[in-house]
Amino acid sequence: MLSAANGSLQGMRVVDLSRVLAGPLCTQFLADHGAEVIKVEPPIGDETRSYGPPFVDGTGAYYYGLNRNKTCMALDLKRAEAREIVERMLETADVVIENFLPGTMERWGLGYDTLAARHPRLVYCRIT
């Protein structure tokens, strides 16, 4: 039986800028197959942390159901300093996945055209 520790995507790094359902589910599948997934949440946490009941230690089970095998961190992407941190993470990432409203990533200077020029080997996945 395979585990995330010896899955077929071991050695792959994914920056997860997604929220709610489709993006987190996609990155969970990647994490389940061994990819290192770093989920970036806003400072108040992903909104699904409050979806419930049921709750586990104050966090919605829905959140846990979509974010296993991930490392999570909080960054306010509206701030330039936070976007600089994401840019440094992308230097060693293989994939970035986002599902913000159209135009949001471009407004933050993290849209496809910008990132493709800076990180040509990066796979950029937008889920709409």
C-alpha atoms as a PDB file:
ATOM      1  CA  MET A   1       0.000   0.000   0.000  1.00  0.00           C
ATOM      2  CA  LEU A   2       1.346   3.424  -0.938  1.00  0.00           C
ATOM      3  CA  SER A   3       1.519   6.257   1.528  1.00  0.00           C
ATOM      4  CA  ALA A   4       2.293   9.918   0.974  1.00  0.00           C
ATOM      5  CA  ALA A   5       5.834   9.205   2.199  1.00  0.00           C
ATOM      6  CA  ASN A   6       6.607   6.955  -0.775  1.00  0.00           C
ATOM      7  CA  GLY A   7       4.066   8.114  -3.360  1.00  0.00           C
ATOM      8  CA  SER A   8       4.732   8.664  -7.028  1.00  0.00           C
ATOM      9  CA  LEU A   9       4.911  12.465  -6.606  1.00  0.00           C
ATOM     10  CA  GLN A  10       7.540  12.417  -3.863  1.00  0.00           C
ATOM     11  CA  GLY A  11      10.010  15.252  -4.447  1.00  0.00           C
ATOM     12  CA  MET A  12       7.423  17.521  -6.095  1.00  0.00           C
ATOM     13  CA  ARG A  13       6.663  20.839  -4.377  1.00  0.00           C
ATOM     14  CA  VAL A  14       3.235  22.446  -4.769  1.00  0.00           C
ATOM     15  CA  VAL A  15       2.256  25.915  -3.565  1.00  0.00           C
ATOM     16  CA  ASP A  16      -1.467  25.806  -2.835  1.00  0.00           C
ATOM     17  CA  LEU A  17      -3.084  29.247  -3.070  1.00  0.00           C
ATOM     18  CA  SER A  18      -6.568  27.768  -3.386  1.00  0.00           C
ATOM     19  CA  ARG A  19      -9.638  27.894  -1.207  1.00  0.00           C
ATOM     20  CA  VAL A  20     -13.013  26.216  -0.585  1.00  0.00           C
ATOM     21  CA  LEU A  21     -13.437  22.987  -2.609  1.00  0.00           C
ATOM     22  CA  ALA A  22     -11.938  22.322  -6.050  1.00  0.00           C
ATOM     23  CA  GLY A  23      -8.430  23.684  -5.401  1.00  0.00           C
ATOM     24  CA  PRO A  24      -7.941  22.128  -1.967  1.00  0.00           C
ATOM     25  CA  LEU A  25      -9.273  18.785  -3.218  1.00  0.00           C
ATOM     26  CA  CYS A  26      -6.860  18.861  -6.162  1.00  0.00           C
ATOM     27  CA  THR A  27      -3.867  19.654  -3.949  1.00  0.00           C
ATOM     28  CA  GLN A  28      -4.953  17.034  -1.424  1.00  0.00           C
ATOM     29  CA  PHE A  29      -4.775  14.400  -4.159  1.00  0.00           C
ATOM     30  CA  LEU A  30      -1.248  15.590  -4.990  1.00  0.00           C
ATOM     31  CA  ALA A  31      -0.267  15.464  -1.305  1.00  0.00           C
ATOM     32  CA  ASP A  32      -1.799  12.000  -0.934  1.00  0.00           C
ATOM     33  CA  HIS A  33       0.506  10.840  -3.729  1.00  0.00           C
ATOM     34  CA  GLY A  34       3.614  12.213  -2.048  1.00  0.00           C
ATOM     35  CA  ALA A  35       3.940  15.818  -3.204  1.00  0.00           C
ATOM     36  CA  GLU A  36       4.987  18.379  -0.630  1.00  0.00           C
ATOM     37  CA  VAL A  37       2.031  20.761  -0.559  1.00  0.00           C
ATOM     38  CA  ILE A  38       2.292  24.126   1.160  1.00  0.00           C
ATOM     39  CA  LYS A  39      -1.155  25.642   1.643  1.00  0.00           C
ATOM     40  CA  VAL A  40      -1.207  29.417   1.989  1.00  0.00           C
ATOM     41  CA  GLU A  41      -4.194  30.698   3.942  1.00  0.00           C
ATOM     42  CA  PRO A  42      -5.218  34.252   4.845  1.00  0.00           C
ATOM     43  CA  PRO A  43      -4.309  35.370   8.393  1.00  0.00           C
ATOM     44  CA  ILE A  44      -7.794  34.509   9.662  1.00  0.00           C
ATOM     45  CA  GLY A  45      -7.453  31.023   8.178  1.00  0.00           C
ATOM     46  CA  ASP A  46      -9.213  29.362   5.280  1.00  0.00           C
ATOM     47  CA  GLU A  47     -12.934  30.084   5.534  1.00  0.00           C
ATOM     48  CA  THR A  48     -13.692  26.346   5.533  1.00  0.00           C
ATOM     49  CA  ARG A  49     -12.195  26.147   9.026  1.00  0.00           C
ATOM     50  CA  SER A  50     -15.542  27.565  10.184  1.00  0.00           C
ATOM     51  CA  TYR A  51     -17.759  25.257   8.078  1.00  0.00           C
ATOM     52  CA  GLY A  52     -19.661  22.865  10.276  1.00  0.00           C
ATOM     53  CA  PRO A  53     -20.874  21.074  12.179  1.00  0.00           C
ATOM     54  CA  PRO A  54     -19.185  18.796  12.807  1.00  0.00           C
ATOM     55  CA  PHE A  55     -16.194  20.493  14.369  1.00  0.00           C
ATOM     56  CA  VAL A  56     -12.968  18.935  15.620  1.00  0.00           C
ATOM     57  CA  ASP A  57     -11.281  21.036  18.300  1.00  0.00           C
ATOM     58  CA  GLY A  58     -13.065  24.133  16.957  1.00  0.00           C
ATOM     59  CA  THR A  59     -12.185  23.553  13.288  1.00  0.00           C
ATOM     60  CA  GLY A  60     -14.703  22.330  10.751  1.00  0.00           C
ATOM     61  CA  ALA A  61     -14.317  18.708   9.706  1.00  0.00           C
ATOM     62  CA  TYR A  62     -14.802  19.974   6.134  1.00  0.00           C
ATOM     63  CA  TYR A  63     -11.433  21.759   6.385  1.00  0.00           C
ATOM     64  CA  TYR A  64      -9.686  18.626   7.633  1.00  0.00           C
ATOM     65  CA  GLY A  65     -11.333  16.587   4.919  1.00  0.00           C
ATOM     66  CA  LEU A  66      -9.683  18.690   2.185  1.00  0.00           C
ATOM     67  CA  ASN A  67      -6.311  19.531   3.681  1.00  0.00           C
ATOM     68  CA  ARG A  68      -4.677  16.374   4.958  1.00  0.00           C
ATOM     69  CA  ASN A  69      -0.978  15.798   4.239  1.00  0.00           C
ATOM     70  CA  LYS A  70      -0.346  19.536   3.726  1.00  0.00           C
ATOM     71  CA  THR A  71       1.778  22.093   5.516  1.00  0.00           C
ATOM     72  CA  CYS A  72      -0.220  25.251   6.172  1.00  0.00           C
ATOM     73  CA  MET A  73       0.923  28.825   6.634  1.00  0.00           C
ATOM     74  CA  ALA A  74      -0.847  32.163   6.923  1.00  0.00           C
ATOM     75  CA  LEU A  75       0.007  35.073   4.616  1.00  0.00           C
ATOM     76  CA  ASP A  76      -1.963  38.177   3.724  1.00  0.00           C
ATOM     77  CA  LEU A  77      -1.471  38.218  -0.052  1.00  0.00           C
ATOM     78  CA  LYS A  78      -2.803  41.776  -0.152  1.00  0.00           C
ATOM     79  CA  ARG A  79       0.542  42.796   1.361  1.00  0.00           C
ATOM     80  CA  ALA A  80       3.687  43.109  -0.766  1.00  0.00           C
ATOM     81  CA  GLU A  81       5.791  41.366   1.899  1.00  0.00           C
ATOM     82  CA  ALA A  82       3.570  38.278   1.752  1.00  0.00           C
ATOM     83  CA  ARG A  83       3.731  38.174  -2.043  1.00  0.00           C
ATOM     84  CA  GLU A  84       7.539  38.341  -1.816  1.00  0.00           C
ATOM     85  CA  ILE A  85       7.456  35.251   0.412  1.00  0.00           C
ATOM     86  CA  VAL A  86       5.289  33.449  -2.162  1.00  0.00           C
ATOM     87  CA  GLU A  87       7.747  34.462  -4.904  1.00  0.00           C
ATOM     88  CA  ARG A  88      10.616  32.914  -2.900  1.00  0.00           C
ATOM     89  CA  MET A  89       8.568  29.734  -2.414  1.00  0.00           C
ATOM     90  CA  LEU A  90       7.920  29.567  -6.152  1.00  0.00           C
ATOM     91  CA  GLU A  91      11.664  29.565  -6.864  1.00  0.00           C
ATOM     92  CA  THR A  92      11.756  25.938  -5.677  1.00  0.00           C
ATOM     93  CA  ALA A  93       8.169  24.950  -6.529  1.00  0.00           C
ATOM     94  CA  ASP A  94       7.081  22.709  -9.376  1.00  0.00           C
ATOM     95  CA  VAL A  95       3.398  23.682  -9.346  1.00  0.00           C
ATOM     96  CA  VAL A  96       1.225  26.548  -8.127  1.00  0.00           C
ATOM     97  CA  ILE A  97      -2.530  26.101  -7.897  1.00  0.00           C
ATOM     98  CA  GLU A  98      -4.975  28.948  -7.327  1.00  0.00           C
ATOM     99  CA  ASN A  99      -8.680  29.575  -7.643  1.00  0.00           C
ATOM    100  CA  PHE A 100      -9.153  33.236  -6.834  1.00  0.00           C
ATOM    101  CA  LEU A 101     -11.627  35.374  -8.717  1.00  0.00           C
ATOM    102  CA  PRO A 102     -10.398  36.267 -12.214  1.00  0.00           C
ATOM    103  CA  GLY A 103      -7.932  39.150 -12.142  1.00  0.00           C
ATOM    104  CA  THR A 104      -6.932  38.744  -8.489  1.00  0.00           C
ATOM    105  CA  MET A 105      -3.572  37.101  -9.124  1.00  0.00           C
ATOM    106  CA  GLU A 106      -2.791  39.619 -11.888  1.00  0.00           C
ATOM    107  CA  ARG A 107      -3.619  42.498  -9.524  1.00  0.00           C
ATOM    108  CA  TRP A 108      -1.162  41.028  -7.012  1.00  0.00           C
ATOM    109  CA  GLY A 109       1.563  40.604  -9.643  1.00  0.00           C
ATOM    110  CA  LEU A 110       1.246  36.812  -9.468  1.00  0.00           C
ATOM    111  CA  GLY A 111      -0.707  36.119 -12.654  1.00  0.00           C
ATOM    112  CA  TYR A 112       0.241  33.507 -15.214  1.00  0.00           C
ATOM    113  CA  ASP A 113       2.141  35.806 -17.586  1.00  0.00           C
ATOM    114  CA  THR A 114       4.252  37.259 -14.777  1.00  0.00           C
ATOM    115  CA  LEU A 115       5.023  33.928 -13.116  1.00  0.00           C
ATOM    116  CA  ALA A 116       5.702  32.143 -16.431  1.00  0.00           C
ATOM    117  CA  ALA A 117       8.337  34.777 -17.230  1.00  0.00           C
ATOM    118  CA  ARG A 118       9.953  34.572 -13.782  1.00  0.00           C
ATOM    119  CA  HIS A 119       9.642  30.801 -13.286  1.00  0.00           C
ATOM    120  CA  PRO A 120       9.543  29.140 -16.735  1.00  0.00           C
ATOM    121  CA  ARG A 121       9.480  25.569 -15.379  1.00  0.00           C
ATOM    122  CA  LEU A 122       6.567  26.264 -13.012  1.00  0.00           C
ATOM    123  CA  VAL A 123       3.239  24.597 -13.828  1.00  0.00           C
ATOM    124  CA  TYR A 124       0.496  27.178 -13.194  1.00  0.00           C
ATOM    125  CA  CYS A 125      -2.979  25.791 -12.573  1.00  0.00           C
ATOM    126  CA  ARG A 126      -5.980  28.088 -12.278  1.00  0.00           C
ATOM    127  CA  ILE A 127      -9.217  26.397 -11.242  1.00  0.00           C
ATOM    128  CA  THR A 128     -12.369  28.353 -12.032  1.00  0.00           C
END
